[in-house]
N, C-alpha and C. Protein backbone atom coordinates (compact mmCIF):
# COMPACT_ATOMS: atom_id res chain seq x y z
N TRP A 1 80.47 5.88 22.54
CA TRP A 1 80.85 4.72 21.75
C TRP A 1 82.16 4.96 21.03
N GLY A 2 82.74 6.10 21.23
CA GLY A 2 84.04 6.36 20.63
C GLY A 2 83.99 6.34 19.12
N SER A 3 85.02 5.78 18.53
CA SER A 3 85.09 5.73 17.07
C SER A 3 84.60 4.40 16.50
N SER A 4 84.04 3.54 17.36
CA SER A 4 83.59 2.23 16.88
C SER A 4 82.37 2.38 15.97
N HIS A 5 82.24 1.43 15.05
CA HIS A 5 81.08 1.39 14.16
C HIS A 5 79.95 0.71 14.91
N HIS A 6 78.84 1.35 14.98
CA HIS A 6 77.71 0.74 15.66
C HIS A 6 76.41 1.16 14.98
N ALA A 7 75.40 0.35 15.24
CA ALA A 7 74.06 0.63 14.75
C ALA A 7 73.09 0.16 15.83
N PHE A 8 71.84 0.52 15.69
CA PHE A 8 70.88 0.16 16.73
C PHE A 8 69.47 0.12 16.16
N SER A 9 68.61 -0.52 16.94
CA SER A 9 67.18 -0.52 16.68
C SER A 9 66.51 -0.35 18.04
N TYR A 10 65.37 0.31 18.08
CA TYR A 10 64.72 0.51 19.37
C TYR A 10 63.21 0.51 19.24
N ARG A 11 62.58 0.27 20.37
CA ARG A 11 61.13 0.40 20.52
C ARG A 11 60.94 1.35 21.68
N PRO A 12 60.26 2.49 21.47
CA PRO A 12 60.14 3.47 22.55
C PRO A 12 59.29 2.97 23.71
N SER A 13 59.48 3.59 24.86
CA SER A 13 58.69 3.23 26.03
C SER A 13 57.23 3.63 25.82
N VAL A 14 56.35 2.94 26.55
CA VAL A 14 54.92 3.24 26.51
C VAL A 14 54.50 3.48 27.95
N GLY A 15 54.13 4.70 28.28
CA GLY A 15 53.77 5.02 29.65
C GLY A 15 54.95 4.78 30.58
N ALA A 16 54.71 4.01 31.64
CA ALA A 16 55.77 3.71 32.61
C ALA A 16 56.59 2.49 32.19
N SER A 17 56.18 1.81 31.13
CA SER A 17 56.91 0.63 30.68
C SER A 17 58.16 1.04 29.92
N GLY A 18 59.26 0.37 30.22
CA GLY A 18 60.53 0.68 29.57
C GLY A 18 60.53 0.33 28.10
N GLY A 19 61.35 1.02 27.36
CA GLY A 19 61.51 0.71 25.94
C GLY A 19 62.55 -0.37 25.75
N LEU A 20 62.81 -0.72 24.52
CA LEU A 20 63.80 -1.74 24.18
C LEU A 20 64.85 -1.13 23.26
N LEU A 21 66.10 -1.53 23.47
CA LEU A 21 67.20 -1.05 22.66
C LEU A 21 68.12 -2.22 22.36
N THR A 22 68.42 -2.43 21.09
CA THR A 22 69.38 -3.45 20.67
C THR A 22 70.49 -2.73 19.92
N LEU A 23 71.75 -2.90 20.37
CA LEU A 23 72.92 -2.29 19.74
C LEU A 23 73.80 -3.37 19.17
N TRP A 24 74.53 -3.05 18.07
CA TRP A 24 75.49 -4.00 17.53
C TRP A 24 76.64 -3.27 16.88
N ASP A 25 77.75 -3.97 16.78
CA ASP A 25 78.95 -3.46 16.11
C ASP A 25 78.78 -3.78 14.63
N SER A 26 78.57 -2.76 13.82
CA SER A 26 78.27 -2.98 12.41
C SER A 26 79.48 -3.47 11.60
N SER A 27 80.66 -3.47 12.20
CA SER A 27 81.81 -4.06 11.51
C SER A 27 81.88 -5.57 11.76
N GLU A 28 81.09 -6.05 12.73
CA GLU A 28 81.06 -7.48 13.08
C GLU A 28 79.76 -8.16 12.70
N VAL A 29 78.68 -7.37 12.66
CA VAL A 29 77.34 -7.92 12.48
C VAL A 29 76.62 -7.16 11.38
N GLU A 30 75.97 -7.89 10.49
CA GLU A 30 75.12 -7.30 9.45
C GLU A 30 73.68 -7.61 9.82
N VAL A 31 72.90 -6.59 10.10
CA VAL A 31 71.48 -6.77 10.43
C VAL A 31 70.66 -6.45 9.19
N TRP A 32 69.85 -7.43 8.77
CA TRP A 32 69.03 -7.29 7.57
C TRP A 32 67.71 -6.61 7.87
N SER A 33 67.12 -6.96 9.01
CA SER A 33 65.80 -6.40 9.30
C SER A 33 65.58 -6.34 10.81
N THR A 34 64.76 -5.39 11.19
CA THR A 34 64.28 -5.31 12.57
C THR A 34 62.76 -5.14 12.50
N GLU A 35 62.08 -5.75 13.45
CA GLU A 35 60.62 -5.66 13.53
C GLU A 35 60.26 -5.34 14.97
N SER A 36 59.37 -4.41 15.15
CA SER A 36 58.96 -3.98 16.48
C SER A 36 57.50 -4.33 16.70
N TYR A 37 57.24 -5.09 17.74
CA TYR A 37 55.88 -5.45 18.15
C TYR A 37 55.75 -5.13 19.63
N GLU A 38 54.52 -5.12 20.13
CA GLU A 38 54.32 -4.85 21.55
C GLU A 38 55.15 -5.83 22.38
N HIS A 39 56.04 -5.32 23.19
CA HIS A 39 56.91 -6.08 24.10
C HIS A 39 58.09 -6.78 23.44
N VAL A 40 58.25 -6.72 22.12
CA VAL A 40 59.33 -7.48 21.46
C VAL A 40 59.96 -6.65 20.35
N LEU A 41 61.28 -6.73 20.27
CA LEU A 41 62.04 -6.14 19.17
C LEU A 41 62.85 -7.27 18.55
N TRP A 42 62.53 -7.64 17.31
CA TRP A 42 63.20 -8.73 16.60
C TRP A 42 64.29 -8.16 15.69
N CYS A 43 65.45 -8.80 15.64
CA CYS A 43 66.52 -8.43 14.71
C CYS A 43 66.99 -9.69 13.99
N SER A 44 67.15 -9.61 12.69
CA SER A 44 67.65 -10.74 11.88
C SER A 44 68.89 -10.29 11.15
N GLY A 45 69.87 -11.19 11.06
CA GLY A 45 71.09 -10.84 10.34
C GLY A 45 72.09 -11.97 10.33
N ARG A 46 73.38 -11.60 10.23
CA ARG A 46 74.44 -12.60 10.22
C ARG A 46 75.71 -12.00 10.81
N PHE A 47 76.54 -12.89 11.35
CA PHE A 47 77.87 -12.49 11.80
C PHE A 47 78.76 -12.46 10.57
N ILE A 48 79.43 -11.35 10.32
CA ILE A 48 80.18 -11.15 9.09
C ILE A 48 81.32 -12.16 8.94
N GLN A 49 82.09 -12.38 10.00
CA GLN A 49 83.26 -13.25 9.89
C GLN A 49 82.89 -14.71 9.63
N SER A 50 81.91 -15.24 10.36
CA SER A 50 81.56 -16.65 10.22
C SER A 50 80.47 -16.89 9.17
N GLY A 51 79.68 -15.87 8.87
CA GLY A 51 78.56 -16.04 7.96
C GLY A 51 77.34 -16.66 8.62
N GLU A 52 77.44 -16.96 9.91
CA GLU A 52 76.33 -17.60 10.63
C GLU A 52 75.18 -16.60 10.79
N GLU A 53 73.98 -17.06 10.44
CA GLU A 53 72.79 -16.22 10.53
C GLU A 53 72.16 -16.34 11.92
N PHE A 54 71.41 -15.30 12.31
CA PHE A 54 70.76 -15.31 13.61
C PHE A 54 69.45 -14.55 13.56
N ILE A 55 68.61 -14.84 14.53
CA ILE A 55 67.40 -14.06 14.81
C ILE A 55 67.42 -13.82 16.31
N LEU A 56 67.33 -12.56 16.70
CA LEU A 56 67.40 -12.17 18.10
C LEU A 56 66.07 -11.54 18.51
N ALA A 57 65.56 -11.96 19.65
CA ALA A 57 64.34 -11.36 20.20
C ALA A 57 64.72 -10.66 21.50
N ASN A 58 64.54 -9.35 21.54
CA ASN A 58 64.75 -8.55 22.74
C ASN A 58 63.36 -8.33 23.33
N ILE A 59 63.13 -8.80 24.58
CA ILE A 59 61.79 -8.87 25.14
C ILE A 59 61.68 -8.08 26.43
N TYR A 60 60.61 -7.31 26.55
CA TYR A 60 60.24 -6.62 27.79
C TYR A 60 58.88 -7.16 28.17
N ALA A 61 58.85 -8.13 29.07
CA ALA A 61 57.60 -8.81 29.42
C ALA A 61 56.75 -7.98 30.37
N PRO A 62 55.44 -8.01 30.19
CA PRO A 62 54.56 -7.31 31.11
C PRO A 62 54.52 -8.01 32.47
N CYS A 63 54.11 -7.30 33.49
CA CYS A 63 54.04 -7.87 34.84
C CYS A 63 52.78 -8.72 35.04
N ASP A 64 51.71 -8.38 34.36
CA ASP A 64 50.44 -9.08 34.49
C ASP A 64 50.55 -10.51 33.96
N ASP A 65 50.13 -11.49 34.78
CA ASP A 65 50.25 -12.90 34.39
C ASP A 65 49.50 -13.24 33.11
N GLY A 66 48.30 -12.70 32.95
CA GLY A 66 47.53 -12.97 31.73
C GLY A 66 48.22 -12.41 30.50
N ALA A 67 48.75 -11.19 30.62
CA ALA A 67 49.46 -10.56 29.49
C ALA A 67 50.74 -11.32 29.17
N LYS A 68 51.39 -11.86 30.21
CA LYS A 68 52.60 -12.68 29.98
C LYS A 68 52.26 -13.92 29.18
N GLN A 69 51.16 -14.58 29.52
CA GLN A 69 50.75 -15.79 28.81
C GLN A 69 50.48 -15.48 27.34
N VAL A 70 49.84 -14.36 27.07
CA VAL A 70 49.58 -13.95 25.69
C VAL A 70 50.91 -13.72 24.96
N LEU A 71 51.84 -13.02 25.61
CA LEU A 71 53.15 -12.77 25.02
C LEU A 71 53.88 -14.07 24.73
N TRP A 72 53.95 -14.98 25.70
CA TRP A 72 54.67 -16.25 25.50
C TRP A 72 54.01 -17.07 24.40
N GLY A 73 52.68 -17.01 24.31
CA GLY A 73 51.99 -17.72 23.23
C GLY A 73 52.36 -17.16 21.86
N SER A 74 52.41 -15.83 21.75
CA SER A 74 52.77 -15.23 20.46
C SER A 74 54.24 -15.49 20.12
N LEU A 75 55.12 -15.48 21.13
CA LEU A 75 56.53 -15.79 20.88
C LEU A 75 56.69 -17.24 20.42
N SER A 76 55.98 -18.14 21.06
CA SER A 76 56.05 -19.55 20.69
C SER A 76 55.59 -19.76 19.25
N ALA A 77 54.48 -19.11 18.88
CA ALA A 77 53.96 -19.23 17.51
C ALA A 77 54.97 -18.67 16.51
N ARG A 78 55.59 -17.55 16.83
CA ARG A 78 56.58 -16.94 15.92
C ARG A 78 57.80 -17.84 15.76
N ILE A 79 58.28 -18.41 16.86
CA ILE A 79 59.45 -19.29 16.80
C ILE A 79 59.14 -20.53 15.98
N GLN A 80 57.95 -21.10 16.16
CA GLN A 80 57.56 -22.26 15.36
C GLN A 80 57.48 -21.90 13.87
N GLU A 81 56.95 -20.72 13.58
CA GLU A 81 56.86 -20.25 12.19
C GLU A 81 58.25 -20.09 11.59
N LEU A 82 59.17 -19.53 12.33
CA LEU A 82 60.55 -19.36 11.84
C LEU A 82 61.21 -20.70 11.62
N GLY A 83 60.93 -21.69 12.47
CA GLY A 83 61.49 -23.02 12.31
C GLY A 83 60.99 -23.71 11.05
N ARG A 84 59.74 -23.47 10.67
CA ARG A 84 59.19 -24.09 9.45
C ARG A 84 59.80 -23.48 8.20
N LYS A 85 60.24 -22.21 8.28
CA LYS A 85 60.83 -21.53 7.12
C LYS A 85 62.25 -22.00 6.83
N ARG A 86 62.91 -22.60 7.78
CA ARG A 86 64.32 -23.00 7.59
C ARG A 86 64.42 -24.35 7.02
């Protein structure tokens, strides 16, 4: 990464399932919080120059159709909850 300012958040792999990694340039982005759940890494923050806030979901979906449906249901509920808070 050279001399650039960077920060990261990660969720380690579980068995053969890949982990999640979110990287950002800390001179451009201020991250307030990260939350790690099964299959999802959430990051909340703002772009420093514009002040625009964001919530990012980094997702590693399971291959099993039933597990995918559970994941999409929990993501949908979380997104609706975040929408009510704004």
